[in-house]
């Protein structure tokens, strides 16, 4: 159990049989009446966001999430196979369970798999990955670092906007949180 006074950004709680993450919170003490905590909660499973108000000191169950380091070993059909780095057990996850970050997942990559009980909530990839450019328009002489961007397809199939001077075969660093180009590798 966690008190509403202890809410912080990133804290996970259980409400109505689902796991919610606190995105924003504001402790309000009006001049008249009792204090309350106004929160914005994001459902970890569905991604929906709701605003909810709790009385100050109200207790709610805290969600106990289990995070384990796993390595993506291979893809079989539409299932992605992960191996637990401690127990060497395999788990199969679908693209829906992994989410939109599946576009940066390649074989041999380590990721954190977050579970609530037996249910997989999310797969956390590293903040940045290094991938090879497999398709992009050729760079033309005179293209500069400040000249603009063009689309490029990387080895996992994801499309990223890169500077004009990047060519096929180069390895680039990509921020997986906002799909942005960080530099050459």
N, C-alpha and C. Protein backbone atom coordinates (compact mmCIF):
# COMPACT_ATOMS: atom_id res chain seq x y z
N UNK A 1 0.85 -1.19 0.00
CA UNK A 1 0.00 0.00 0.00
C UNK A 1 0.89 1.24 0.00
N UNK A 2 0.44 2.25 -0.74
CA UNK A 2 1.17 3.50 -0.80
C UNK A 2 0.19 4.64 -0.57
N UNK A 3 0.64 5.63 0.17
CA UNK A 3 -0.19 6.79 0.47
C UNK A 3 -0.17 7.75 -0.72
N UNK A 4 -1.27 8.44 -0.94
CA UNK A 4 -1.32 9.42 -2.03
C UNK A 4 -0.33 10.55 -1.79
N UNK A 5 0.07 10.77 -0.55
CA UNK A 5 1.08 11.79 -0.25
C UNK A 5 2.46 11.39 -0.78
N UNK A 6 2.67 10.08 -1.00
CA UNK A 6 3.97 9.59 -1.47
C UNK A 6 4.04 9.41 -2.98
N UNK A 7 3.00 9.87 -3.71
CA UNK A 7 3.02 9.75 -5.17
C UNK A 7 4.16 10.55 -5.74
N UNK A 8 4.87 9.98 -6.68
CA UNK A 8 5.93 10.63 -7.44
C UNK A 8 5.77 10.20 -8.89
N UNK A 9 6.35 10.94 -9.80
CA UNK A 9 6.29 10.57 -11.21
C UNK A 9 6.99 9.23 -11.41
N UNK A 10 6.29 8.29 -12.08
CA UNK A 10 6.85 6.97 -12.34
C UNK A 10 6.39 5.89 -11.38
N UNK A 11 5.73 6.26 -10.28
CA UNK A 11 5.23 5.27 -9.32
C UNK A 11 4.09 4.49 -9.98
N UNK A 12 4.05 3.17 -9.79
CA UNK A 12 2.97 2.36 -10.35
C UNK A 12 2.03 1.91 -9.25
N UNK A 13 0.73 2.03 -9.54
CA UNK A 13 -0.30 1.64 -8.57
C UNK A 13 -1.31 0.73 -9.27
N UNK A 14 -2.08 0.00 -8.45
CA UNK A 14 -3.14 -0.86 -8.97
C UNK A 14 -4.48 -0.20 -8.67
N UNK A 15 -5.27 0.00 -9.73
CA UNK A 15 -6.63 0.53 -9.59
C UNK A 15 -7.54 -0.22 -10.53
N UNK A 16 -8.69 -0.64 -10.07
CA UNK A 16 -9.70 -1.30 -10.89
C UNK A 16 -9.13 -2.49 -11.67
N UNK A 17 -8.22 -3.24 -11.06
CA UNK A 17 -7.67 -4.43 -11.70
C UNK A 17 -6.66 -4.17 -12.80
N UNK A 18 -6.12 -2.96 -12.86
CA UNK A 18 -5.13 -2.61 -13.88
C UNK A 18 -3.95 -1.89 -13.23
N UNK A 19 -2.85 -1.81 -13.96
CA UNK A 19 -1.66 -1.13 -13.47
C UNK A 19 -1.61 0.25 -14.10
N UNK A 20 -1.44 1.27 -13.25
CA UNK A 20 -1.38 2.66 -13.69
C UNK A 20 -0.06 3.27 -13.24
N UNK A 21 0.53 4.11 -14.08
CA UNK A 21 1.77 4.81 -13.75
C UNK A 21 1.45 6.28 -13.57
N UNK A 22 1.95 6.88 -12.48
CA UNK A 22 1.72 8.30 -12.22
C UNK A 22 2.57 9.11 -13.20
N UNK A 23 1.91 9.92 -14.03
CA UNK A 23 2.60 10.75 -15.01
C UNK A 23 2.82 12.15 -14.42
N UNK A 24 1.79 12.67 -13.78
CA UNK A 24 1.87 13.98 -13.12
C UNK A 24 1.12 13.90 -11.81
N UNK A 25 1.53 14.72 -10.85
CA UNK A 25 0.80 14.80 -9.59
C UNK A 25 0.93 16.21 -9.04
N UNK A 26 -0.08 16.63 -8.30
CA UNK A 26 -0.06 17.95 -7.69
C UNK A 26 -0.77 17.86 -6.35
N UNK A 27 -0.06 18.19 -5.30
CA UNK A 27 -0.63 18.18 -3.95
C UNK A 27 -1.27 19.55 -3.72
N UNK A 28 -2.59 19.57 -3.50
CA UNK A 28 -3.33 20.83 -3.37
C UNK A 28 -3.87 20.96 -1.96
N UNK A 29 -3.61 22.10 -1.33
CA UNK A 29 -4.12 22.40 0.01
C UNK A 29 -4.95 23.67 -0.10
N UNK A 30 -6.27 23.51 -0.32
CA UNK A 30 -7.11 24.71 -0.45
C UNK A 30 -7.25 25.42 0.90
N UNK A 31 -7.63 26.67 0.85
CA UNK A 31 -7.79 27.45 2.08
C UNK A 31 -8.91 26.90 2.94
N UNK A 32 -9.93 26.36 2.31
CA UNK A 32 -11.06 25.81 3.04
C UNK A 32 -11.25 24.36 2.61
N UNK A 33 -11.37 23.46 3.52
CA UNK A 33 -11.53 22.05 3.18
C UNK A 33 -10.24 21.29 3.38
N UNK A 34 -10.30 20.00 3.03
CA UNK A 34 -9.12 19.15 3.25
C UNK A 34 -8.25 19.10 1.99
N UNK A 35 -6.98 18.72 2.19
CA UNK A 35 -6.02 18.63 1.10
C UNK A 35 -6.35 17.43 0.21
N UNK A 36 -5.91 17.53 -1.05
CA UNK A 36 -6.09 16.41 -1.97
C UNK A 36 -4.93 16.37 -2.95
N UNK A 37 -4.81 15.24 -3.65
CA UNK A 37 -3.74 15.05 -4.63
C UNK A 37 -4.40 14.84 -5.99
N UNK A 38 -4.12 15.75 -6.93
CA UNK A 38 -4.64 15.65 -8.29
C UNK A 38 -3.57 14.95 -9.14
N UNK A 39 -3.94 13.85 -9.80
CA UNK A 39 -2.96 13.08 -10.56
C UNK A 39 -3.41 12.87 -12.00
N UNK A 40 -2.43 12.61 -12.85
CA UNK A 40 -2.68 12.15 -14.21
C UNK A 40 -2.04 10.77 -14.27
N UNK A 41 -2.86 9.75 -14.55
CA UNK A 41 -2.41 8.36 -14.54
C UNK A 41 -2.47 7.77 -15.95
N UNK A 42 -1.45 6.97 -16.29
CA UNK A 42 -1.40 6.30 -17.59
C UNK A 42 -1.50 4.81 -17.38
N UNK A 43 -2.43 4.17 -18.08
CA UNK A 43 -2.59 2.73 -18.00
C UNK A 43 -1.42 2.09 -18.72
N UNK A 44 -0.67 1.24 -18.02
CA UNK A 44 0.54 0.65 -18.58
C UNK A 44 0.20 -0.33 -19.70
N UNK A 45 -0.94 -1.03 -19.59
CA UNK A 45 -1.31 -2.01 -20.60
C UNK A 45 -1.86 -1.36 -21.87
N UNK A 46 -2.78 -0.41 -21.72
CA UNK A 46 -3.46 0.15 -22.89
C UNK A 46 -2.90 1.49 -23.34
N UNK A 47 -2.24 2.21 -22.45
CA UNK A 47 -1.69 3.52 -22.81
C UNK A 47 -2.67 4.66 -22.62
N UNK A 48 -3.90 4.38 -22.18
CA UNK A 48 -4.88 5.46 -21.98
C UNK A 48 -4.50 6.29 -20.75
N UNK A 49 -4.86 7.56 -20.78
CA UNK A 49 -4.51 8.49 -19.71
C UNK A 49 -5.79 9.02 -19.08
N UNK A 50 -5.84 9.04 -17.75
CA UNK A 50 -7.00 9.59 -17.03
C UNK A 50 -6.50 10.52 -15.93
N UNK A 51 -7.36 11.45 -15.55
CA UNK A 51 -7.07 12.31 -14.41
C UNK A 51 -7.90 11.81 -13.25
N UNK A 52 -7.27 11.74 -12.08
CA UNK A 52 -7.96 11.21 -10.90
C UNK A 52 -7.52 12.00 -9.68
N UNK A 53 -8.44 12.23 -8.77
CA UNK A 53 -8.14 12.97 -7.55
C UNK A 53 -8.26 12.02 -6.36
N UNK A 54 -7.27 12.08 -5.47
CA UNK A 54 -7.24 11.27 -4.26
C UNK A 54 -7.24 12.20 -3.05
N UNK A 55 -7.87 11.78 -1.96
CA UNK A 55 -7.77 12.54 -0.71
C UNK A 55 -6.35 12.43 -0.20
N UNK A 56 -5.86 13.45 0.47
CA UNK A 56 -4.50 13.42 1.03
C UNK A 56 -4.44 12.31 2.07
N UNK A 57 -3.44 11.46 1.96
CA UNK A 57 -3.28 10.35 2.91
C UNK A 57 -4.04 9.10 2.53
N UNK A 58 -4.84 9.12 1.47
CA UNK A 58 -5.56 7.94 1.03
C UNK A 58 -4.56 6.89 0.55
N UNK A 59 -4.79 5.63 0.92
CA UNK A 59 -3.85 4.58 0.52
C UNK A 59 -4.43 3.77 -0.63
N UNK A 60 -3.56 3.41 -1.55
CA UNK A 60 -3.93 2.57 -2.69
C UNK A 60 -2.87 1.48 -2.82
N UNK A 61 -3.22 0.33 -3.39
CA UNK A 61 -2.22 -0.74 -3.54
C UNK A 61 -1.14 -0.35 -4.55
N UNK A 62 0.10 -0.58 -4.20
CA UNK A 62 1.20 -0.30 -5.11
C UNK A 62 1.43 -1.54 -5.97
N UNK A 63 1.58 -1.36 -7.27
CA UNK A 63 1.81 -2.49 -8.18
C UNK A 63 3.26 -2.95 -8.06
N UNK A 64 3.43 -4.23 -7.82
CA UNK A 64 4.78 -4.78 -7.76
C UNK A 64 5.12 -5.33 -9.14
N UNK A 65 6.02 -4.64 -9.79
CA UNK A 65 6.45 -5.03 -11.13
C UNK A 65 7.78 -5.73 -11.03
N UNK A 66 7.95 -6.77 -11.83
CA UNK A 66 9.18 -7.54 -11.85
C UNK A 66 9.90 -7.26 -13.16
N UNK A 67 11.13 -6.79 -13.07
CA UNK A 67 11.91 -6.46 -14.26
C UNK A 67 13.05 -7.47 -14.38
N UNK A 68 13.14 -8.10 -15.56
CA UNK A 68 14.22 -9.08 -15.76
C UNK A 68 14.96 -8.78 -17.06
N UNK A 69 16.28 -8.94 -17.00
CA UNK A 69 17.11 -8.72 -18.18
C UNK A 69 17.01 -9.94 -19.08
N UNK A 70 16.61 -9.71 -20.33
CA UNK A 70 16.46 -10.80 -21.29
C UNK A 70 17.13 -10.42 -22.60
N UNK A 71 17.51 -11.44 -23.36
CA UNK A 71 18.15 -11.22 -24.65
C UNK A 71 17.25 -11.76 -25.75
N UNK A 72 17.05 -10.94 -26.79
CA UNK A 72 16.26 -11.37 -27.94
C UNK A 72 17.13 -12.32 -28.76
N UNK A 73 16.74 -13.60 -28.82
CA UNK A 73 17.58 -14.58 -29.50
C UNK A 73 17.18 -14.77 -30.96
N UNK A 74 15.88 -14.88 -31.25
CA UNK A 74 15.45 -15.04 -32.64
C UNK A 74 13.96 -14.77 -32.76
N UNK A 75 13.50 -14.68 -34.01
CA UNK A 75 12.07 -14.48 -34.29
C UNK A 75 11.55 -15.74 -34.96
N UNK A 76 10.41 -16.22 -34.46
CA UNK A 76 9.80 -17.42 -35.02
C UNK A 76 8.36 -17.10 -35.39
N UNK A 77 8.09 -16.97 -36.67
CA UNK A 77 6.77 -16.57 -37.13
C UNK A 77 6.51 -15.14 -36.70
N UNK A 78 5.43 -14.93 -35.97
CA UNK A 78 5.15 -13.59 -35.45
C UNK A 78 5.51 -13.46 -33.97
N UNK A 79 6.24 -14.44 -33.44
CA UNK A 79 6.66 -14.43 -32.04
C UNK A 79 8.14 -14.07 -31.93
N UNK A 80 8.47 -13.26 -30.95
CA UNK A 80 9.86 -12.90 -30.66
C UNK A 80 10.29 -13.71 -29.44
N UNK A 81 11.40 -14.43 -29.57
CA UNK A 81 11.86 -15.32 -28.50
C UNK A 81 12.93 -14.60 -27.69
N UNK A 82 12.71 -14.52 -26.38
CA UNK A 82 13.66 -13.89 -25.46
C UNK A 82 14.18 -14.95 -24.49
N UNK A 83 15.46 -14.83 -24.12
CA UNK A 83 16.06 -15.76 -23.16
C UNK A 83 16.42 -14.97 -21.90
N UNK A 84 15.98 -15.48 -20.76
CA UNK A 84 16.32 -14.88 -19.47
C UNK A 84 17.81 -15.07 -19.25
N UNK A 85 18.52 -13.99 -18.92
CA UNK A 85 19.97 -14.03 -18.79
C UNK A 85 20.44 -14.74 -17.51
N UNK A 86 19.54 -14.96 -16.54
CA UNK A 86 19.92 -15.62 -15.30
C UNK A 86 19.52 -17.10 -15.30
N UNK A 87 18.29 -17.39 -15.72
CA UNK A 87 17.79 -18.77 -15.66
C UNK A 87 17.88 -19.50 -16.99
N UNK A 88 18.15 -18.77 -18.08
CA UNK A 88 18.23 -19.33 -19.44
C UNK A 88 16.91 -19.91 -19.93
N UNK A 89 15.80 -19.47 -19.33
CA UNK A 89 14.48 -19.89 -19.80
C UNK A 89 14.07 -19.00 -20.96
N UNK A 90 13.31 -19.57 -21.90
CA UNK A 90 12.85 -18.80 -23.05
C UNK A 90 11.42 -18.34 -22.85
N UNK A 91 11.14 -17.13 -23.33
CA UNK A 91 9.79 -16.59 -23.31
C UNK A 91 9.47 -16.11 -24.72
N UNK A 92 8.24 -16.31 -25.13
CA UNK A 92 7.80 -15.86 -26.45
C UNK A 92 6.85 -14.70 -26.28
N UNK A 93 7.15 -13.60 -26.97
CA UNK A 93 6.33 -12.40 -26.90
C UNK A 93 5.87 -12.02 -28.29
N UNK A 94 4.67 -11.47 -28.38
CA UNK A 94 4.16 -11.00 -29.67
C UNK A 94 4.56 -9.54 -29.86
N UNK A 95 4.40 -9.05 -31.08
CA UNK A 95 4.72 -7.65 -31.38
C UNK A 95 3.83 -6.70 -30.57
N UNK A 96 2.59 -7.12 -30.29
CA UNK A 96 1.69 -6.29 -29.49
C UNK A 96 2.21 -6.13 -28.07
N UNK A 97 2.78 -7.19 -27.50
CA UNK A 97 3.31 -7.12 -26.14
C UNK A 97 4.55 -6.24 -26.08
N UNK A 98 5.35 -6.24 -27.13
CA UNK A 98 6.58 -5.44 -27.15
C UNK A 98 6.26 -3.98 -27.39
N UNK A 99 5.29 -3.70 -28.23
CA UNK A 99 4.90 -2.33 -28.50
C UNK A 99 5.60 -1.77 -29.74
N UNK A 100 5.60 -0.45 -29.87
CA UNK A 100 6.13 0.18 -31.07
C UNK A 100 7.66 0.15 -31.14
N UNK A 101 8.32 -0.22 -30.07
CA UNK A 101 9.78 -0.28 -30.09
C UNK A 101 10.29 -1.55 -30.79
N UNK A 102 9.38 -2.40 -31.23
CA UNK A 102 9.77 -3.63 -31.93
C UNK A 102 10.57 -3.30 -33.19
N UNK A 103 10.40 -2.10 -33.72
CA UNK A 103 11.10 -1.73 -34.95
C UNK A 103 12.61 -1.57 -34.75
N UNK A 104 13.09 -1.48 -33.51
CA UNK A 104 14.53 -1.38 -33.24
C UNK A 104 15.12 -2.66 -32.67
N UNK A 105 14.31 -3.70 -32.55
CA UNK A 105 14.75 -4.94 -31.93
C UNK A 105 15.49 -5.81 -32.94
N UNK A 106 16.73 -6.18 -32.61
CA UNK A 106 17.48 -7.09 -33.48
C UNK A 106 18.03 -8.23 -32.63
N UNK A 107 18.38 -9.31 -33.31
CA UNK A 107 18.86 -10.50 -32.61
C UNK A 107 20.12 -10.20 -31.81
N UNK A 108 20.16 -10.75 -30.59
CA UNK A 108 21.31 -10.54 -29.72
C UNK A 108 21.19 -9.33 -28.82
N UNK A 109 20.15 -8.52 -29.02
CA UNK A 109 19.98 -7.29 -28.23
C UNK A 109 19.39 -7.64 -26.86
N UNK A 110 19.92 -6.98 -25.82
CA UNK A 110 19.38 -7.17 -24.47
C UNK A 110 18.32 -6.12 -24.19
N UNK A 111 17.29 -6.53 -23.47
CA UNK A 111 16.20 -5.63 -23.11
C UNK A 111 15.67 -6.03 -21.74
N UNK A 112 15.01 -5.10 -21.08
CA UNK A 112 14.36 -5.40 -19.80
C UNK A 112 12.89 -5.70 -20.06
N UNK A 113 12.44 -6.86 -19.60
CA UNK A 113 11.04 -7.24 -19.75
C UNK A 113 10.36 -7.00 -18.40
N UNK A 114 9.32 -6.15 -18.42
CA UNK A 114 8.61 -5.79 -17.19
C UNK A 114 7.32 -6.61 -17.12
N UNK A 115 7.17 -7.33 -16.00
CA UNK A 115 5.98 -8.19 -15.80
C UNK A 115 5.22 -7.75 -14.56
N UNK A 116 3.92 -7.96 -14.63
CA UNK A 116 3.03 -7.79 -13.48
C UNK A 116 2.36 -9.13 -13.29
N UNK A 117 2.83 -9.88 -12.31
CA UNK A 117 2.39 -11.26 -12.17
C UNK A 117 2.97 -12.07 -13.32
N UNK A 118 2.12 -12.70 -14.10
CA UNK A 118 2.57 -13.45 -15.28
C UNK A 118 2.39 -12.65 -16.57
N UNK A 119 1.77 -11.49 -16.48
CA UNK A 119 1.47 -10.69 -17.66
C UNK A 119 2.63 -9.75 -18.00
N UNK A 120 3.05 -9.77 -19.26
CA UNK A 120 4.10 -8.86 -19.73
C UNK A 120 3.48 -7.50 -19.99
N UNK A 121 4.01 -6.46 -19.34
CA UNK A 121 3.48 -5.11 -19.51
C UNK A 121 4.22 -4.36 -20.60
N UNK A 122 5.55 -4.43 -20.59
CA UNK A 122 6.32 -3.70 -21.59
C UNK A 122 7.72 -4.27 -21.70
N UNK A 123 8.34 -3.94 -22.82
CA UNK A 123 9.73 -4.31 -23.05
C UNK A 123 10.51 -3.02 -23.19
N UNK A 124 11.49 -2.83 -22.30
CA UNK A 124 12.29 -1.61 -22.31
C UNK A 124 13.59 -1.86 -23.07
N UNK A 125 13.73 -1.23 -24.22
CA UNK A 125 14.97 -1.31 -24.98
C UNK A 125 15.95 -0.29 -24.43
N UNK A 126 17.24 -0.41 -24.79
CA UNK A 126 18.19 0.64 -24.39
C UNK A 126 17.74 1.98 -24.99
N UNK A 127 18.17 3.10 -24.36
CA UNK A 127 17.77 4.42 -24.85
C UNK A 127 18.30 4.71 -26.24
N UNK A 128 19.43 4.09 -26.60
CA UNK A 128 19.96 4.29 -27.95
C UNK A 128 20.48 2.96 -28.49
N UNK A 129 20.36 2.79 -29.80
CA UNK A 129 20.85 1.59 -30.46
C UNK A 129 21.69 2.00 -31.67
N UNK A 130 22.62 1.13 -32.05
CA UNK A 130 23.44 1.36 -33.23
C UNK A 130 23.00 0.38 -34.30
N UNK A 131 22.55 0.92 -35.44
CA UNK A 131 22.06 0.09 -36.53
C UNK A 131 22.67 0.54 -37.85
N UNK A 132 22.70 -0.38 -38.81
CA UNK A 132 23.28 -0.09 -40.12
C UNK A 132 22.20 0.41 -41.08
N UNK A 133 22.52 1.42 -41.86
CA UNK A 133 21.60 1.96 -42.86
C UNK A 133 21.60 1.00 -44.05
N UNK A 134 20.42 0.50 -44.43
CA UNK A 134 20.32 -0.43 -45.56
C UNK A 134 19.77 0.23 -46.81
N UNK A 135 19.04 1.34 -46.66
CA UNK A 135 18.48 2.01 -47.83
C UNK A 135 18.28 3.48 -47.54
N UNK A 136 18.78 4.31 -48.43
CA UNK A 136 18.56 5.75 -48.37
C UNK A 136 18.97 6.34 -49.71
N UNK A 137 18.53 7.53 -49.98
CA UNK A 137 18.94 8.20 -51.20
C UNK A 137 20.43 8.49 -51.11
N UNK A 138 21.14 8.44 -52.23
CA UNK A 138 22.58 8.69 -52.16
C UNK A 138 22.89 10.13 -51.80
N UNK A 139 24.01 10.31 -51.08
CA UNK A 139 24.46 11.65 -50.75
C UNK A 139 25.07 12.30 -51.98
N UNK A 140 24.84 13.58 -52.13
CA UNK A 140 25.36 14.31 -53.28
C UNK A 140 26.46 15.23 -52.80
N UNK A 141 27.49 15.43 -53.63
CA UNK A 141 28.58 16.31 -53.25
C UNK A 141 28.02 17.70 -52.96
N UNK A 142 28.46 18.25 -51.85
CA UNK A 142 27.96 19.56 -51.44
C UNK A 142 26.95 19.48 -50.31
N UNK A 143 26.45 18.27 -50.01
CA UNK A 143 25.54 18.12 -48.88
C UNK A 143 26.31 18.40 -47.60
N UNK A 144 25.73 19.19 -46.72
CA UNK A 144 26.42 19.56 -45.50
C UNK A 144 25.68 19.03 -44.28
N UNK A 145 26.35 19.15 -43.16
CA UNK A 145 25.76 18.65 -41.91
C UNK A 145 24.54 19.46 -41.50
N UNK A 146 24.45 20.70 -41.96
CA UNK A 146 23.32 21.54 -41.56
C UNK A 146 22.29 21.67 -42.67
N UNK A 147 22.43 20.89 -43.73
CA UNK A 147 21.60 21.07 -44.91
C UNK A 147 20.21 20.50 -44.87
N UNK A 148 19.86 19.65 -43.94
CA UNK A 148 18.53 19.08 -43.91
C UNK A 148 18.58 17.60 -43.63
N UNK A 149 17.44 16.94 -43.83
CA UNK A 149 17.35 15.52 -43.52
C UNK A 149 16.68 14.77 -44.66
N UNK A 150 16.83 13.46 -44.64
CA UNK A 150 16.20 12.57 -45.60
C UNK A 150 15.84 11.28 -44.87
N UNK A 151 14.88 10.51 -45.38
CA UNK A 151 14.53 9.24 -44.73
C UNK A 151 15.57 8.16 -45.03
N UNK A 152 15.81 7.31 -44.05
CA UNK A 152 16.72 6.17 -44.23
C UNK A 152 16.09 4.95 -43.56
N UNK A 153 16.26 3.79 -44.19
CA UNK A 153 15.78 2.53 -43.62
C UNK A 153 16.99 1.83 -43.00
N UNK A 154 16.83 1.39 -41.73
CA UNK A 154 17.92 0.69 -41.05
C UNK A 154 17.68 -0.82 -41.12
N UNK A 155 18.64 -1.60 -40.64
CA UNK A 155 18.62 -3.06 -40.79
C UNK A 155 17.41 -3.74 -40.18
N UNK A 156 16.74 -3.12 -39.21
CA UNK A 156 15.55 -3.73 -38.59
C UNK A 156 14.27 -3.37 -39.33
N UNK A 157 14.37 -2.48 -40.32
CA UNK A 157 13.19 -2.08 -41.09
C UNK A 157 12.60 -0.75 -40.66
N UNK A 158 13.13 -0.16 -39.61
CA UNK A 158 12.61 1.12 -39.13
C UNK A 158 13.07 2.25 -40.04
N UNK A 159 12.24 3.28 -40.14
CA UNK A 159 12.60 4.46 -40.92
C UNK A 159 12.96 5.59 -39.97
N UNK A 160 14.11 6.24 -40.24
CA UNK A 160 14.62 7.31 -39.39
C UNK A 160 15.04 8.46 -40.30
N UNK A 161 14.82 9.68 -39.84
CA UNK A 161 15.28 10.85 -40.59
C UNK A 161 16.74 11.09 -40.23
N UNK A 162 17.60 11.16 -41.26
CA UNK A 162 19.05 11.32 -41.06
C UNK A 162 19.54 12.51 -41.87
N UNK A 163 20.73 13.05 -41.56
CA UNK A 163 21.30 14.14 -42.36
C UNK A 163 21.58 13.67 -43.79
N UNK A 164 21.69 14.61 -44.70
CA UNK A 164 21.87 14.31 -46.12
C UNK A 164 23.16 13.56 -46.43
N UNK A 165 24.20 13.70 -45.61
CA UNK A 165 25.49 13.08 -45.91
C UNK A 165 25.57 11.60 -45.55
N UNK A 166 24.58 11.04 -44.89
CA UNK A 166 24.59 9.62 -44.51
C UNK A 166 24.33 8.77 -45.76
N UNK A 167 25.10 7.67 -45.90
CA UNK A 167 24.93 6.81 -47.06
C UNK A 167 24.71 5.36 -46.63
N UNK A 168 24.36 4.51 -47.57
CA UNK A 168 24.08 3.10 -47.30
C UNK A 168 25.34 2.43 -46.76
N UNK A 169 25.16 1.58 -45.74
CA UNK A 169 26.28 0.85 -45.15
C UNK A 169 26.84 1.50 -43.90
N UNK A 170 26.50 2.75 -43.64
CA UNK A 170 27.01 3.42 -42.44
C UNK A 170 26.23 2.96 -41.22
N UNK A 171 26.91 2.94 -40.08
CA UNK A 171 26.27 2.59 -38.81
C UNK A 171 25.95 3.88 -38.08
N UNK A 172 24.67 4.01 -37.69
CA UNK A 172 24.24 5.24 -37.02
C UNK A 172 23.64 4.91 -35.66
N UNK A 173 23.69 5.88 -34.77
CA UNK A 173 23.13 5.75 -33.42
C UNK A 173 21.76 6.43 -33.42
N UNK A 174 20.74 5.71 -32.90
CA UNK A 174 19.37 6.19 -32.92
C UNK A 174 18.82 6.21 -31.49
N UNK A 175 18.12 7.28 -31.14
CA UNK A 175 17.43 7.38 -29.85
C UNK A 175 16.10 6.65 -29.98
N UNK A 176 15.90 5.55 -29.22
CA UNK A 176 14.68 4.75 -29.34
C UNK A 176 13.47 5.41 -28.70
N UNK A 177 13.68 6.43 -27.87
CA UNK A 177 12.56 7.09 -27.20
C UNK A 177 11.81 8.02 -28.14
N UNK A 178 12.54 8.70 -29.05
CA UNK A 178 11.86 9.65 -29.94
C UNK A 178 12.24 9.46 -31.42
N UNK A 179 12.82 8.32 -31.77
CA UNK A 179 13.14 7.96 -33.15
C UNK A 179 14.06 8.97 -33.84
N UNK A 180 14.99 9.56 -33.11
CA UNK A 180 15.83 10.58 -33.71
C UNK A 180 17.26 10.09 -33.93
N UNK A 181 17.91 10.66 -34.92
CA UNK A 181 19.30 10.37 -35.27
C UNK A 181 20.20 11.06 -34.26
N UNK A 182 21.17 10.30 -33.68
CA UNK A 182 22.08 10.88 -32.70
C UNK A 182 23.49 11.09 -33.24
N UNK A 183 23.88 10.33 -34.27
CA UNK A 183 25.21 10.49 -34.83
C UNK A 183 25.69 9.22 -35.50
N UNK A 184 26.88 9.31 -36.09
CA UNK A 184 27.51 8.14 -36.69
C UNK A 184 28.19 7.32 -35.60
N UNK A 185 28.40 6.08 -35.89
CA UNK A 185 29.06 5.21 -34.92
C UNK A 185 30.38 4.74 -35.46
